[in-house]
Amino acid sequence: MDDDLKLSDFTGGEKVHLALLHTRMAKRGLAGPTVYIDDLKKKVERVEKRALNRKNKQ
């Protein structure tokens, strides 16, 4: 089973969602190293898991 995700494995909406989440993480990162970003990381992991599940069903 191949667990590697490629950009083509994501839908257009997921790509936009990931871009926005990464932008928010970067913005929080500029605020300093002590700013909490784990909530955004969990959201990214959920989107990746959804894409991986869809890929493995094929």
PDB file of N, CA and C in Angstrom:
ATOM      1  N   MET A   1       0.845  -1.179   0.000  1.00  0.00           N
ATOM      2  CA  MET A   1       0.000   0.000   0.000  1.00  0.00           C
ATOM      3  C   MET A   1       0.890   1.241   0.000  1.00  0.00           C
ATOM      4  N   ASP A   2       0.590   2.160  -0.889  1.00  0.00           N
ATOM      5  CA  ASP A   2       1.380   3.372  -1.039  1.00  0.00           C
ATOM      6  C   ASP A   2       0.766   4.487  -0.185  1.00  0.00           C
ATOM      7  N   ASP A   3       1.510   4.950   0.828  1.00  0.00           N
ATOM      8  CA  ASP A   3       0.999   5.979   1.728  1.00  0.00           C
ATOM      9  C   ASP A   3       1.458   7.382   1.354  1.00  0.00           C
ATOM     10  N   ASP A   4       2.174   7.505   0.252  1.00  0.00           N
ATOM     11  CA  ASP A   4       2.662   8.825  -0.155  1.00  0.00           C
ATOM     12  C   ASP A   4       1.560   9.597  -0.868  1.00  0.00           C
ATOM     13  N   LEU A   5       1.336  10.804  -0.424  1.00  0.00           N
ATOM     14  CA  LEU A   5       0.345  11.661  -1.069  1.00  0.00           C
ATOM     15  C   LEU A   5       1.053  12.611  -2.027  1.00  0.00           C
ATOM     16  N   LYS A   6       0.461  12.773  -3.190  1.00  0.00           N
ATOM     17  CA  LYS A   6       0.944  13.738  -4.162  1.00  0.00           C
ATOM     18  C   LYS A   6      -0.059  14.871  -4.229  1.00  0.00           C
ATOM     19  N   LEU A   7       0.317  15.944  -4.806  1.00  0.00           N
ATOM     20  CA  LEU A   7      -0.584  17.085  -4.928  1.00  0.00           C
ATOM     21  C   LEU A   7      -1.826  16.716  -5.727  1.00  0.00           C
ATOM     22  N   SER A   8      -1.688  15.807  -6.665  1.00  0.00           N
ATOM     23  CA  SER A   8      -2.832  15.410  -7.485  1.00  0.00           C
ATOM     24  C   SER A   8      -3.840  14.556  -6.708  1.00  0.00           C
ATOM     25  N   ASP A   9      -3.478  14.067  -5.533  1.00  0.00           N
ATOM     26  CA  ASP A   9      -4.389  13.266  -4.712  1.00  0.00           C
ATOM     27  C   ASP A   9      -5.406  14.128  -3.963  1.00  0.00           C
ATOM     28  N   PHE A  10      -5.187  15.428  -3.914  1.00  0.00           N
ATOM     29  CA  PHE A  10      -6.088  16.339  -3.208  1.00  0.00           C
ATOM     30  C   PHE A  10      -7.077  16.955  -4.198  1.00  0.00           C
ATOM     31  N   THR A  11      -8.287  17.211  -3.710  1.00  0.00           N
ATOM     32  CA  THR A  11      -9.264  17.922  -4.535  1.00  0.00           C
ATOM     33  C   THR A  11      -8.889  19.403  -4.555  1.00  0.00           C
ATOM     34  N   GLY A  12      -9.534  20.147  -5.428  1.00  0.00           N
ATOM     35  CA  GLY A  12      -9.260  21.580  -5.502  1.00  0.00           C
ATOM     36  C   GLY A  12      -9.577  22.288  -4.189  1.00  0.00           C
ATOM     37  N   GLY A  13     -10.695  21.910  -3.584  1.00  0.00           N
ATOM     38  CA  GLY A  13     -11.078  22.512  -2.307  1.00  0.00           C
ATOM     39  C   GLY A  13     -10.094  22.192  -1.196  1.00  0.00           C
ATOM     40  N   GLU A  14      -9.588  20.961  -1.204  1.00  0.00           N
ATOM     41  CA  GLU A  14      -8.599  20.574  -0.189  1.00  0.00           C
ATOM     42  C   GLU A  14      -7.294  21.342  -0.375  1.00  0.00           C
ATOM     43  N   LYS A  15      -6.913  21.570  -1.616  1.00  0.00           N
ATOM     44  CA  LYS A  15      -5.690  22.331  -1.881  1.00  0.00           C
ATOM     45  C   LYS A  15      -5.819  23.754  -1.347  1.00  0.00           C
ATOM     46  N   VAL A  16      -6.972  24.360  -1.580  1.00  0.00           N
ATOM     47  CA  VAL A  16      -7.210  25.722  -1.087  1.00  0.00           C
ATOM     48  C   VAL A  16      -7.218  25.734   0.436  1.00  0.00           C
ATOM     49  N   HIS A  17      -7.897  24.753   1.030  1.00  0.00           N
ATOM     50  CA  HIS A  17      -7.976  24.667   2.483  1.00  0.00           C
ATOM     51  C   HIS A  17      -6.580  24.503   3.091  1.00  0.00           C
ATOM     52  N   LEU A  18      -5.764  23.635   2.494  1.00  0.00           N
ATOM     53  CA  LEU A  18      -4.400  23.435   2.990  1.00  0.00           C
ATOM     54  C   LEU A  18      -3.567  24.712   2.852  1.00  0.00           C
ATOM     55  N   ALA A  19      -3.734  25.415   1.741  1.00  0.00           N
ATOM     56  CA  ALA A  19      -2.990  26.657   1.552  1.00  0.00           C
ATOM     57  C   ALA A  19      -3.362  27.682   2.613  1.00  0.00           C
ATOM     58  N   LEU A  20      -4.660  27.792   2.910  1.00  0.00           N
ATOM     59  CA  LEU A  20      -5.100  28.739   3.934  1.00  0.00           C
ATOM     60  C   LEU A  20      -4.594  28.342   5.319  1.00  0.00           C
ATOM     61  N   LEU A  21      -4.630  27.047   5.621  1.00  0.00           N
ATOM     62  CA  LEU A  21      -4.144  26.594   6.929  1.00  0.00           C
ATOM     63  C   LEU A  21      -2.642  26.845   7.076  1.00  0.00           C
ATOM     64  N   HIS A  22      -1.893  26.592   6.000  1.00  0.00           N
ATOM     65  CA  HIS A  22      -0.448  26.841   6.058  1.00  0.00           C
ATOM     66  C   HIS A  22      -0.153  28.334   6.188  1.00  0.00           C
ATOM     67  N   THR A  23      -0.962  29.152   5.552  1.00  0.00           N
ATOM     68  CA  THR A  23      -0.792  30.598   5.679  1.00  0.00           C
ATOM     69  C   THR A  23      -1.041  31.038   7.117  1.00  0.00           C
ATOM     70  N   ARG A  24      -2.097  30.495   7.735  1.00  0.00           N
ATOM     71  CA  ARG A  24      -2.400  30.836   9.124  1.00  0.00           C
ATOM     72  C   ARG A  24      -1.285  30.375  10.057  1.00  0.00           C
ATOM     73  N   MET A  25      -0.706  29.178   9.782  1.00  0.00           N
ATOM     74  CA  MET A  25       0.406  28.697  10.612  1.00  0.00           C
ATOM     75  C   MET A  25       1.616  29.610  10.467  1.00  0.00           C
ATOM     76  N   ALA A  26       1.881  30.051   9.247  1.00  0.00           N
ATOM     77  CA  ALA A  26       3.018  30.945   9.016  1.00  0.00           C
ATOM     78  C   ALA A  26       2.812  32.278   9.726  1.00  0.00           C
ATOM     79  N   LYS A  27       1.595  32.783   9.674  1.00  0.00           N
ATOM     80  CA  LYS A  27       1.299  34.051  10.338  1.00  0.00           C
ATOM     81  C   LYS A  27       1.493  33.927  11.841  1.00  0.00           C
ATOM     82  N   ARG A  28       1.017  32.820  12.407  1.00  0.00           N
ATOM     83  CA  ARG A  28       1.221  32.606  13.845  1.00  0.00           C
ATOM     84  C   ARG A  28       2.702  32.409  14.164  1.00  0.00           C
ATOM     85  N   GLY A  29       3.419  31.772  13.252  1.00  0.00           N
ATOM     86  CA  GLY A  29       4.848  31.560  13.455  1.00  0.00           C
ATOM     87  C   GLY A  29       5.622  32.867  13.509  1.00  0.00           C
ATOM     88  N   LEU A  30       5.156  33.862  12.772  1.00  0.00           N
ATOM     89  CA  LEU A  30       5.804  35.172  12.811  1.00  0.00           C
ATOM     90  C   LEU A  30       5.625  35.855  14.166  1.00  0.00           C
ATOM     91  N   ALA A  31       4.563  35.461  14.875  1.00  0.00           N
ATOM     92  CA  ALA A  31       4.302  36.061  16.180  1.00  0.00           C
ATOM     93  C   ALA A  31       5.296  35.579  17.232  1.00  0.00           C
ATOM     94  N   GLY A  32       5.936  34.476  16.989  1.00  0.00           N
ATOM     95  CA  GLY A  32       6.941  33.993  17.915  1.00  0.00           C
ATOM     96  C   GLY A  32       6.905  32.484  18.054  1.00  0.00           C
ATOM     97  N   PRO A  33       7.969  31.923  18.609  1.00  0.00           N
ATOM     98  CA  PRO A  33       8.067  30.463  18.725  1.00  0.00           C
ATOM     99  C   PRO A  33       7.154  29.857  19.792  1.00  0.00           C
ATOM    100  N   THR A  34       6.604  30.674  20.654  1.00  0.00           N
ATOM    101  CA  THR A  34       5.777  30.138  21.739  1.00  0.00           C
ATOM    102  C   THR A  34       4.289  30.144  21.397  1.00  0.00           C
ATOM    103  N   VAL A  35       3.925  30.567  20.199  1.00  0.00           N
ATOM    104  CA  VAL A  35       2.525  30.638  19.789  1.00  0.00           C
ATOM    105  C   VAL A  35       2.035  29.223  19.455  1.00  0.00           C
ATOM    106  N   TYR A  36       0.841  28.896  19.917  1.00  0.00           N
ATOM    107  CA  TYR A  36       0.255  27.563  19.753  1.00  0.00           C
ATOM    108  C   TYR A  36      -0.265  27.381  18.327  1.00  0.00           C
ATOM    109  N   ILE A  37       0.254  26.363  17.618  1.00  0.00           N
ATOM    110  CA  ILE A  37      -0.229  26.080  16.265  1.00  0.00           C
ATOM    111  C   ILE A  37      -0.680  24.633  16.110  1.00  0.00           C
ATOM    112  N   ASP A  38      -0.712  23.871  17.191  1.00  0.00           N
ATOM    113  CA  ASP A  38      -1.087  22.464  17.096  1.00  0.00           C
ATOM    114  C   ASP A  38      -2.512  22.271  16.602  1.00  0.00           C
ATOM    115  N   ASP A  39      -3.407  23.208  16.888  1.00  0.00           N
ATOM    116  CA  ASP A  39      -4.782  23.082  16.401  1.00  0.00           C
ATOM    117  C   ASP A  39      -4.818  23.117  14.874  1.00  0.00           C
ATOM    118  N   LEU A  40      -3.988  23.968  14.287  1.00  0.00           N
ATOM    119  CA  LEU A  40      -3.945  24.039  12.825  1.00  0.00           C
ATOM    120  C   LEU A  40      -3.270  22.805  12.227  1.00  0.00           C
ATOM    121  N   LYS A  41      -2.264  22.277  12.914  1.00  0.00           N
ATOM    122  CA  LYS A  41      -1.605  21.058  12.446  1.00  0.00           C
ATOM    123  C   LYS A  41      -2.582  19.890  12.421  1.00  0.00           C
ATOM    124  N   LYS A  42      -3.452  19.811  13.423  1.00  0.00           N
ATOM    125  CA  LYS A  42      -4.450  18.738  13.466  1.00  0.00           C
ATOM    126  C   LYS A  42      -5.429  18.855  12.310  1.00  0.00           C
ATOM    127  N   LYS A  43      -5.793  20.083  11.955  1.00  0.00           N
ATOM    128  CA  LYS A  43      -6.694  20.288  10.825  1.00  0.00           C
ATOM    129  C   LYS A  43      -6.038  19.844   9.518  1.00  0.00           C
ATOM    130  N   VAL A  44      -4.754  20.141   9.375  1.00  0.00           N
ATOM    131  CA  VAL A  44      -4.014  19.716   8.180  1.00  0.00           C
ATOM    132  C   VAL A  44      -3.960  18.197   8.124  1.00  0.00           C
ATOM    133  N   GLU A  45      -3.703  17.560   9.262  1.00  0.00           N
ATOM    134  CA  GLU A  45      -3.639  16.105   9.301  1.00  0.00           C
ATOM    135  C   GLU A  45      -4.982  15.483   8.928  1.00  0.00           C
ATOM    136  N   ARG A  46      -6.091  16.095   9.333  1.00  0.00           N
ATOM    137  CA  ARG A  46      -7.409  15.576   8.977  1.00  0.00           C
ATOM    138  C   ARG A  46      -7.647  15.645   7.478  1.00  0.00           C
ATOM    139  N   VAL A  47      -7.240  16.737   6.853  1.00  0.00           N
ATOM    140  CA  VAL A  47      -7.404  16.868   5.399  1.00  0.00           C
ATOM    141  C   VAL A  47      -6.541  15.827   4.688  1.00  0.00           C
ATOM    142  N   GLU A  48      -5.310  15.642   5.158  1.00  0.00           N
ATOM    143  CA  GLU A  48      -4.416  14.654   4.557  1.00  0.00           C
ATOM    144  C   GLU A  48      -4.959  13.241   4.738  1.00  0.00           C
ATOM    145  N   LYS A  49      -5.521  12.952   5.900  1.00  0.00           N
ATOM    146  CA  LYS A  49      -6.075  11.623   6.160  1.00  0.00           C
ATOM    147  C   LYS A  49      -7.262  11.351   5.244  1.00  0.00           C
ATOM    148  N   ARG A  50      -8.105  12.367   5.038  1.00  0.00           N
ATOM    149  CA  ARG A  50      -9.258  12.224   4.157  1.00  0.00           C
ATOM    150  C   ARG A  50      -8.798  11.911   2.722  1.00  0.00           C
ATOM    151  N   ALA A  51      -7.769  12.602   2.257  1.00  0.00           N
ATOM    152  CA  ALA A  51      -7.243  12.358   0.910  1.00  0.00           C
ATOM    153  C   ALA A  51      -6.605  10.970   0.815  1.00  0.00           C
ATOM    154  N   LEU A  52      -5.913  10.556   1.858  1.00  0.00           N
ATOM    155  CA  LEU A  52      -5.281   9.238   1.865  1.00  0.00           C
ATOM    156  C   LEU A  52      -6.330   8.133   1.860  1.00  0.00           C
ATOM    157  N   ASN A  53      -7.394   8.306   2.629  1.00  0.00           N
ATOM    158  CA  ASN A  53      -8.477   7.314   2.630  1.00  0.00           C
ATOM    159  C   ASN A  53      -9.116   7.207   1.252  1.00  0.00           C
ATOM    160  N   ARG A  54      -9.325   8.338   0.597  1.00  0.00           N
ATOM    161  CA  ARG A  54      -9.910   8.339  -0.735  1.00  0.00           C
ATOM    162  C   ARG A  54      -8.970   7.659  -1.732  1.00  0.00           C
ATOM    163  N   LYS A  55      -7.675   7.893  -1.593  1.00  0.00           N
ATOM    164  CA  LYS A  55      -6.695   7.298  -2.491  1.00  0.00           C
ATOM    165  C   LYS A  55      -6.636   5.782  -2.313  1.00  0.00           C
ATOM    166  N   ASN A  56      -6.715   5.321  -1.068  1.00  0.00           N
ATOM    167  CA  ASN A  56      -6.604   3.889  -0.801  1.00  0.00           C
ATOM    168  C   ASN A  56      -7.859   3.123  -1.205  1.00  0.00           C
ATOM    169  N   LYS A  57      -8.990   3.789  -1.335  1.00  0.00           N
ATOM    170  CA  LYS A  57     -10.213   3.117  -1.777  1.00  0.00           C
ATOM    171  C   LYS A  57     -10.166   2.755  -3.253  1.00  0.00           C
ATOM    172  N   GLN A  58      -9.372   3.474  -4.018  1.00  0.00           N
ATOM    173  CA  GLN A  58      -9.313   3.250  -5.471  1.00  0.00           C
ATOM    174  C   GLN A  58      -8.641   1.969  -5.817  1.00  0.00           C
TER     175      GLN A  58
END
